[in-house]
Amino acid sequence: MSRSKQVSRKKFILLTTGGTIASVETQNGRMPGINGETLIRQIDGLEQLCKVEIRPVCSIDSTDLTPKHWKLLVETIRDFYEDYDGFVISHGTDTMAYTAAALSVMLQGLNKPVILTGSQLPMEAAGTDAKQNLYDAFLYGIRPEARGVSVVFNGKVIDGLCARKWKTESFDAFVSINRPLLATIENGRVKIETTAGVFRDAGISEKPQFYLEMEEDLCALKLTPGISREMVRQILMQTKGVLIEGFGLGGIPNYLEEVFEEVMPLRKEKGYLTVMETQALLEGTDLSVYEVGLRAKKELGMEESGRLTAEAVTACMMWQMAHPEKENILETCRTYLETFAHNV
């Protein structure tokens, strides 16, 4: 793989977590089996780009990744924050968008880059995308504009709050939802987009905040036509955080109105959080348009996702419930994405 010469003495740490990028073929299917040193040795030209040290965090299929692993990542970044110019996380693709969103709210006020990447094929597979994606992550990371949490994949640099895996096999597995890309990478060149600095510059602090706690008692409830009233009631009664995937711009079907009228006051008393999202991939919710939405918003006091992805709302809800005394981060992130409503 030919690389254009790059001059940089920035120092990065590669945090490895397993995933497809580090997987090997076994008789029981692919599973993580390659360490960080082996990953790095496969990347031509990386030693001219920057200095890289390696620290394993875990070695698992990303399907098994949980908030306890997010906490490990945050602790590691916190402990080494002053020693490195940036952090690259090699990660499985299946839950990468969840981790990116979680780190976006757990790591606040960053003035350094935290970049997630991975691959659709293992590093040692023929025709793999792993080498290019990992190289591109560092290539973007050395840029002065790189800061905060992002996903680098298939030549795209995506805001950590806005990444979504939308393809299971193709190399262009990730897309940016409701926000322009931060940058694109092609033939060893990084093109920073004009909206890349929006909000991120405003969040920079000399003393970033590292939050470790996330509330895990959360359930995603997908509304389907004719869904059982009792099932909806039981979920609302038993779960602290409920993310409701509704239809279109969002709203509660009339036949479920009695259930929500009964349960929502109880949820508010307990400090539980209920948020409406949409099954649509783009453009988000707006509960102010239809009667079914207005009722949910005004009479039931339900919050909405706006233009945030389900992964981002999940992260915001987990953080908000763990830190009720802090700012309403769901509102903050929702307002942030409204900035780009006419740019996508």
Protein backbone atom coordinates (compact mmCIF):
# COMPACT_ATOMS: atom_id res chain seq x y z
CA MET A 1 0.00 0.00 0.00
CA SER A 2 1.62 3.24 -1.10
CA ARG A 3 1.48 6.18 1.26
CA SER A 4 2.30 9.82 0.76
CA LYS A 5 4.97 11.04 3.16
CA GLN A 6 3.61 12.61 6.30
CA VAL A 7 5.52 14.56 8.95
CA SER A 8 4.19 14.40 12.49
CA ARG A 9 5.59 13.53 15.86
CA LYS A 10 2.25 13.32 17.61
CA LYS A 11 1.88 10.50 20.08
CA PHE A 12 -1.19 8.26 20.08
CA ILE A 13 -2.40 5.32 22.09
CA LEU A 14 -4.30 2.51 20.37
CA LEU A 15 -6.94 1.02 22.66
CA THR A 16 -7.92 -2.43 21.43
CA THR A 17 -11.26 -4.07 22.23
CA GLY A 18 -11.44 -7.01 19.81
CA GLY A 19 -14.08 -7.02 17.09
CA THR A 20 -13.87 -8.13 13.46
CA ILE A 21 -10.69 -6.16 12.84
CA ALA A 22 -8.85 -8.39 15.33
CA SER A 23 -10.65 -11.63 14.50
CA VAL A 24 -9.39 -14.94 13.15
CA GLU A 25 -11.28 -17.78 11.49
CA THR A 26 -12.02 -20.77 13.74
CA GLN A 27 -14.18 -23.86 13.40
CA ASN A 28 -16.77 -22.04 15.51
CA GLY A 29 -16.73 -18.91 13.37
CA ARG A 30 -14.80 -15.66 13.61
CA MET A 31 -13.61 -14.54 17.00
CA PRO A 32 -11.06 -12.01 18.27
CA GLY A 33 -7.55 -13.44 18.29
CA ILE A 34 -5.11 -10.75 17.11
CA ASN A 35 -3.38 -8.34 19.48
CA GLY A 36 -2.66 -4.67 18.94
CA GLU A 37 0.97 -5.20 18.00
CA THR A 38 -0.09 -7.47 15.15
CA LEU A 39 -2.66 -4.92 13.97
CA ILE A 40 -0.10 -2.12 13.88
CA ARG A 41 2.50 -4.18 12.03
CA GLN A 42 0.09 -4.52 9.12
CA ILE A 43 -0.13 -0.74 8.51
CA ASP A 44 2.43 0.53 5.99
CA GLY A 45 3.75 4.00 6.68
CA LEU A 46 2.25 4.41 10.13
CA GLU A 47 5.63 4.86 11.80
CA GLN A 48 6.24 7.95 9.62
CA LEU A 49 2.82 9.34 10.48
CA CYS A 50 2.90 9.32 14.27
CA LYS A 51 4.08 7.45 17.33
CA VAL A 52 1.70 4.71 18.48
CA GLU A 53 1.63 2.82 21.74
CA ILE A 54 -0.83 0.03 22.43
CA ARG A 55 -3.03 -0.74 25.41
CA PRO A 56 -5.53 -3.63 25.34
CA VAL A 57 -8.86 -2.90 27.01
CA CYS A 58 -10.65 -6.15 26.17
CA SER A 59 -10.80 -8.75 23.41
CA ILE A 60 -14.42 -9.55 22.68
CA ASP A 61 -17.04 -9.58 19.96
CA SER A 62 -18.64 -6.14 20.14
CA THR A 63 -22.03 -7.82 20.59
CA ASP A 64 -20.80 -8.59 24.12
CA LEU A 65 -19.70 -5.02 24.82
CA THR A 66 -21.58 -3.30 27.67
CA PRO A 67 -21.45 -0.03 29.66
CA LYS A 68 -18.81 -1.58 31.92
CA HIS A 69 -16.49 -1.60 28.88
CA TRP A 70 -17.36 2.04 28.14
CA LYS A 71 -16.28 2.78 31.71
CA LEU A 72 -12.96 0.99 31.13
CA LEU A 73 -12.38 3.08 28.01
CA VAL A 74 -13.19 6.33 29.83
CA GLU A 75 -10.93 5.39 32.74
CA THR A 76 -8.07 4.58 30.39
CA ILE A 77 -8.47 7.80 28.41
CA ARG A 78 -8.69 9.79 31.65
CA ASP A 79 -5.59 8.16 33.12
CA PHE A 80 -3.48 8.73 29.98
CA TYR A 81 -5.07 11.95 28.75
CA GLU A 82 -2.08 14.18 29.49
CA ASP A 83 0.42 11.72 28.02
CA TYR A 84 -0.91 11.45 24.47
CA ASP A 85 -2.09 13.71 21.67
CA GLY A 86 -5.00 11.45 20.79
CA PHE A 87 -6.66 8.08 21.17
CA VAL A 88 -7.71 5.52 18.56
CA ILE A 89 -10.05 2.69 19.55
CA SER A 90 -10.20 -0.46 17.43
CA HIS A 91 -13.74 -1.76 17.83
CA GLY A 92 -16.22 -4.21 16.40
CA THR A 93 -18.74 -2.65 14.03
CA ASP A 94 -21.95 -4.05 15.53
CA THR A 95 -21.99 -1.76 18.59
CA MET A 96 -19.50 0.87 17.46
CA ALA A 97 -22.20 3.52 17.06
CA TYR A 98 -23.40 2.86 20.63
CA THR A 99 -19.87 3.20 22.01
CA ALA A 100 -19.22 6.35 19.97
CA ALA A 101 -22.42 7.94 21.27
CA ALA A 102 -21.72 6.85 24.84
CA LEU A 103 -18.19 8.26 24.80
CA SER A 104 -19.55 11.49 23.31
CA VAL A 105 -21.51 12.11 26.52
CA MET A 106 -19.12 10.45 28.99
CA LEU A 107 -16.14 12.46 27.70
CA GLN A 108 -17.03 16.15 27.70
CA GLY A 109 -14.94 19.19 26.83
CA LEU A 110 -12.26 17.23 24.97
CA ASN A 111 -9.50 19.14 23.20
CA LYS A 112 -7.99 15.95 21.77
CA PRO A 113 -9.38 13.35 19.36
CA VAL A 114 -10.92 10.04 20.42
CA ILE A 115 -11.43 8.05 17.22
CA LEU A 116 -13.22 4.74 16.78
CA THR A 117 -12.57 2.51 13.80
CA GLY A 118 -12.84 -1.12 12.78
CA SER A 119 -13.48 -3.17 9.69
CA GLN A 120 -15.89 -5.44 7.91
CA LEU A 121 -13.18 -8.03 7.25
CA PRO A 122 -10.46 -9.19 9.66
CA MET A 123 -7.03 -7.59 9.41
CA GLU A 124 -5.46 -10.75 7.98
CA ALA A 125 -8.22 -11.47 5.43
CA ALA A 126 -7.59 -10.97 1.73
CA GLY A 127 -8.89 -7.62 0.49
CA THR A 128 -9.53 -6.37 4.01
CA ASP A 129 -10.66 -2.83 4.73
CA ALA A 130 -8.95 -2.95 8.13
CA LYS A 131 -5.58 -1.57 7.02
CA GLN A 132 -7.05 1.49 5.33
CA ASN A 133 -9.51 2.26 8.11
CA LEU A 134 -6.88 2.03 10.85
CA TYR A 135 -4.39 4.13 8.89
CA ASP A 136 -7.09 6.73 8.14
CA ALA A 137 -7.97 6.98 11.82
CA PHE A 138 -4.45 8.11 12.64
CA LEU A 139 -4.25 10.24 9.50
CA TYR A 140 -7.30 12.20 10.63
CA GLY A 141 -6.16 12.20 14.26
CA ILE A 142 -2.98 14.14 13.55
CA ARG A 143 -4.93 17.02 12.02
CA PRO A 144 -5.28 20.08 14.29
CA GLU A 145 -9.04 20.12 13.62
CA ALA A 146 -9.47 16.63 15.07
CA ARG A 147 -10.99 16.73 18.54
CA GLY A 148 -13.82 15.08 20.40
CA VAL A 149 -15.28 11.67 19.61
CA SER A 150 -15.62 10.49 16.02
CA VAL A 151 -15.89 7.37 13.87
CA VAL A 152 -13.51 6.93 10.92
CA PHE A 153 -14.66 4.32 8.43
CA ASN A 154 -14.40 3.88 4.67
CA GLY A 155 -13.07 7.38 4.09
CA LYS A 156 -15.72 9.08 6.22
CA VAL A 157 -15.21 10.95 9.48
CA ILE A 158 -18.47 10.94 11.41
CA ASP A 159 -19.43 12.81 14.57
CA GLY A 160 -19.63 10.27 17.41
CA LEU A 161 -23.23 11.31 18.17
CA CYS A 162 -24.36 10.74 14.61
CA ALA A 163 -22.90 7.41 13.47
CA ARG A 164 -25.17 4.58 12.40
CA LYS A 165 -24.26 1.17 11.04
CA TRP A 166 -26.56 0.74 8.06
CA LYS A 167 -24.94 -2.13 6.15
CA THR A 168 -23.93 -5.51 7.53
CA GLU A 169 -21.31 -6.56 4.96
CA SER A 170 -20.35 -3.71 2.63
CA PHE A 171 -17.28 -1.57 3.37
CA ASP A 172 -19.39 1.61 3.50
CA ALA A 173 -21.01 0.28 6.65
CA PHE A 174 -21.48 3.59 8.48
CA VAL A 175 -23.40 6.72 7.66
CA SER A 176 -23.75 10.09 9.37
CA ILE A 177 -27.35 10.74 10.43
CA ASN A 178 -28.74 14.29 10.31
CA ARG A 179 -25.31 15.93 10.33
CA PRO A 180 -22.75 16.57 7.56
CA LEU A 181 -19.52 14.61 7.76
CA LEU A 182 -16.67 16.07 9.78
CA ALA A 183 -14.24 15.16 7.01
CA THR A 184 -13.57 12.82 4.11
CA ILE A 185 -10.37 10.91 3.39
CA GLU A 186 -9.26 9.90 -0.08
CA ASN A 187 -5.85 8.92 -1.46
CA GLY A 188 -4.10 9.88 1.75
CA ARG A 189 -5.66 13.35 1.90
CA VAL A 190 -8.04 14.62 4.56
CA LYS A 191 -10.66 17.15 3.51
CA ILE A 192 -12.13 18.93 6.53
CA GLU A 193 -15.76 19.92 5.98
CA THR A 194 -16.96 23.46 6.68
CA THR A 195 -19.24 22.45 9.59
CA ALA A 196 -16.58 20.35 11.35
CA GLY A 197 -15.88 22.94 14.04
CA VAL A 198 -19.50 23.71 14.90
CA PHE A 199 -20.21 23.06 18.60
CA ARG A 200 -16.95 21.20 19.09
CA ASP A 201 -14.98 24.43 19.50
CA ALA A 202 -17.57 25.64 21.98
CA GLY A 203 -17.08 22.51 24.07
CA ILE A 204 -13.30 22.63 24.35
CA SER A 205 -11.93 22.92 27.85
CA GLU A 206 -8.46 22.73 29.36
CA LYS A 207 -9.97 20.42 31.96
CA PRO A 208 -12.21 17.87 30.25
CA GLN A 209 -14.80 16.01 32.27
CA PHE A 210 -14.70 12.22 32.52
CA TYR A 211 -17.97 10.62 33.60
CA LEU A 212 -17.95 6.94 34.54
CA GLU A 213 -21.52 6.18 35.54
CA MET A 214 -24.30 5.22 33.13
CA GLU A 215 -27.73 3.92 34.15
CA GLU A 216 -28.26 0.53 32.52
CA ASP A 217 -31.96 0.04 33.36
CA LEU A 218 -33.19 1.10 29.94
CA CYS A 219 -35.41 -0.56 27.35
CA ALA A 220 -36.20 0.25 23.73
CA LEU A 221 -39.91 -0.27 23.08
CA LYS A 222 -40.79 -0.56 19.40
CA LEU A 223 -44.43 0.27 18.74
CA THR A 224 -46.09 -1.97 16.16
CA PRO A 225 -49.67 -1.71 14.89
CA GLY A 226 -51.91 -3.33 17.52
CA ILE A 227 -49.18 -3.82 20.13
CA SER A 228 -50.48 -5.24 23.42
CA ARG A 229 -51.62 -2.67 25.96
CA GLU A 230 -50.53 -4.89 28.83
CA MET A 231 -47.06 -5.41 27.42
CA VAL A 232 -46.61 -1.66 27.03
CA ARG A 233 -47.89 -1.11 30.56
CA GLN A 234 -45.53 -3.67 32.08
CA ILE A 235 -42.49 -2.20 30.36
CA LEU A 236 -43.39 1.32 31.44
CA MET A 237 -44.03 0.21 35.02
CA GLN A 238 -40.83 -1.78 35.43
CA THR A 239 -38.13 0.11 33.52
CA LYS A 240 -36.41 3.36 34.54
CA GLY A 241 -35.65 4.49 31.02
CA VAL A 242 -37.94 3.72 28.10
CA LEU A 243 -37.06 4.76 24.56
CA ILE A 244 -40.23 4.42 22.51
CA GLU A 245 -39.82 3.95 18.78
CA GLY A 246 -42.96 5.42 17.29
CA PHE A 247 -44.24 6.03 13.78
CA GLY A 248 -43.29 8.94 11.52
CA LEU A 249 -42.83 12.20 13.41
CA GLY A 250 -43.85 10.44 16.63
CA GLY A 251 -46.99 10.00 18.71
CA ILE A 252 -49.03 7.65 20.88
CA PRO A 253 -51.85 5.60 19.25
CA ASN A 254 -55.25 6.48 20.67
CA TYR A 255 -55.92 2.97 21.95
CA LEU A 256 -52.82 3.21 24.20
CA GLU A 257 -53.84 6.57 25.64
CA GLU A 258 -55.31 5.14 28.85
CA VAL A 259 -52.15 3.14 29.55
CA PHE A 260 -49.92 6.19 29.25
CA GLU A 261 -52.30 8.40 31.24
CA GLU A 262 -52.15 5.86 34.06
CA VAL A 263 -48.42 5.19 34.03
CA MET A 264 -46.72 8.47 33.06
CA PRO A 265 -47.51 10.33 36.33
CA LEU A 266 -46.04 7.39 38.26
CA ARG A 267 -42.92 7.44 36.11
CA LYS A 268 -42.47 11.16 36.72
CA GLU A 269 -42.79 10.70 40.48
CA LYS A 270 -40.00 8.11 40.41
CA GLY A 271 -37.77 10.24 38.21
CA TYR A 272 -37.99 7.80 35.31
CA LEU A 273 -37.26 8.98 31.78
CA THR A 274 -39.46 8.39 28.71
CA VAL A 275 -38.39 9.52 25.25
CA MET A 276 -40.14 9.19 21.87
CA GLU A 277 -38.09 8.46 18.75
CA THR A 278 -39.06 7.48 15.21
CA GLN A 279 -38.58 4.40 13.05
CA ALA A 280 -37.48 6.71 10.21
CA LEU A 281 -33.73 6.87 9.62
CA LEU A 282 -33.54 10.56 8.73
CA GLU A 283 -34.95 13.90 9.87
CA GLY A 284 -36.20 12.80 13.29
CA THR A 285 -39.26 13.47 15.41
CA ASP A 286 -41.51 16.49 15.83
CA LEU A 287 -44.28 15.90 18.35
CA SER A 288 -45.80 19.32 17.67
CA VAL A 289 -47.23 18.43 14.23
CA TYR A 290 -49.95 15.81 14.77
CA GLU A 291 -52.59 15.42 17.47
CA VAL A 292 -51.16 12.06 18.55
CA GLY A 293 -47.79 13.74 19.06
CA LEU A 294 -49.05 16.89 20.73
CA ARG A 295 -50.96 14.82 23.26
CA ALA A 296 -47.82 12.84 24.11
CA LYS A 297 -45.81 16.02 24.51
CA LYS A 298 -48.23 18.37 26.28
CA GLU A 299 -50.53 16.09 28.23
CA LEU A 300 -48.15 13.25 29.02
CA GLY A 301 -44.96 15.30 29.23
CA MET A 302 -42.99 12.97 27.00
CA GLU A 303 -39.59 14.04 25.69
CA GLU A 304 -38.56 13.42 22.09
CA SER A 305 -35.38 12.47 20.29
CA GLY A 306 -35.50 15.21 17.69
CA ARG A 307 -32.80 14.50 15.09
CA LEU A 308 -30.73 12.23 17.32
CA THR A 309 -30.14 8.58 16.46
CA ALA A 310 -31.44 5.81 18.71
CA GLU A 311 -27.84 5.16 19.77
CA ALA A 312 -27.34 8.80 20.75
CA VAL A 313 -30.65 8.98 22.64
CA THR A 314 -29.78 5.77 24.47
CA ALA A 315 -26.45 7.26 25.56
CA CYS A 316 -28.05 10.55 26.61
CA MET A 317 -30.74 8.76 28.63
CA MET A 318 -28.22 6.51 30.38
CA TRP A 319 -26.06 9.51 31.27
CA GLN A 320 -29.00 11.71 32.32
CA MET A 321 -30.47 9.08 34.64
CA ALA A 322 -27.04 8.51 36.24
CA HIS A 323 -26.50 12.27 36.71
CA PRO A 324 -29.95 13.79 37.40
CA GLU A 325 -28.39 16.85 39.04
CA LYS A 326 -26.54 17.77 35.84
CA GLU A 327 -27.68 19.53 32.68
CA ASN A 328 -30.32 17.97 30.45
CA ILE A 329 -27.84 16.46 28.03
CA LEU A 330 -30.63 15.14 25.81
CA GLU A 331 -31.79 18.70 25.22
CA THR A 332 -28.22 19.91 24.67
CA CYS A 333 -27.48 17.25 22.05
CA ARG A 334 -30.89 17.69 20.42
CA THR A 335 -30.33 21.43 20.08
CA TYR A 336 -26.86 20.80 18.66
CA LEU A 337 -28.24 18.73 15.80
CA GLU A 338 -30.91 21.30 15.01
CA THR A 339 -27.97 23.48 13.92
CA PHE A 340 -27.61 21.26 10.86
CA ALA A 341 -31.31 20.92 10.00
CA HIS A 342 -30.82 22.75 6.69
CA ASN A 343 -27.33 21.42 5.92
CA VAL A 344 -28.14 17.73 5.40
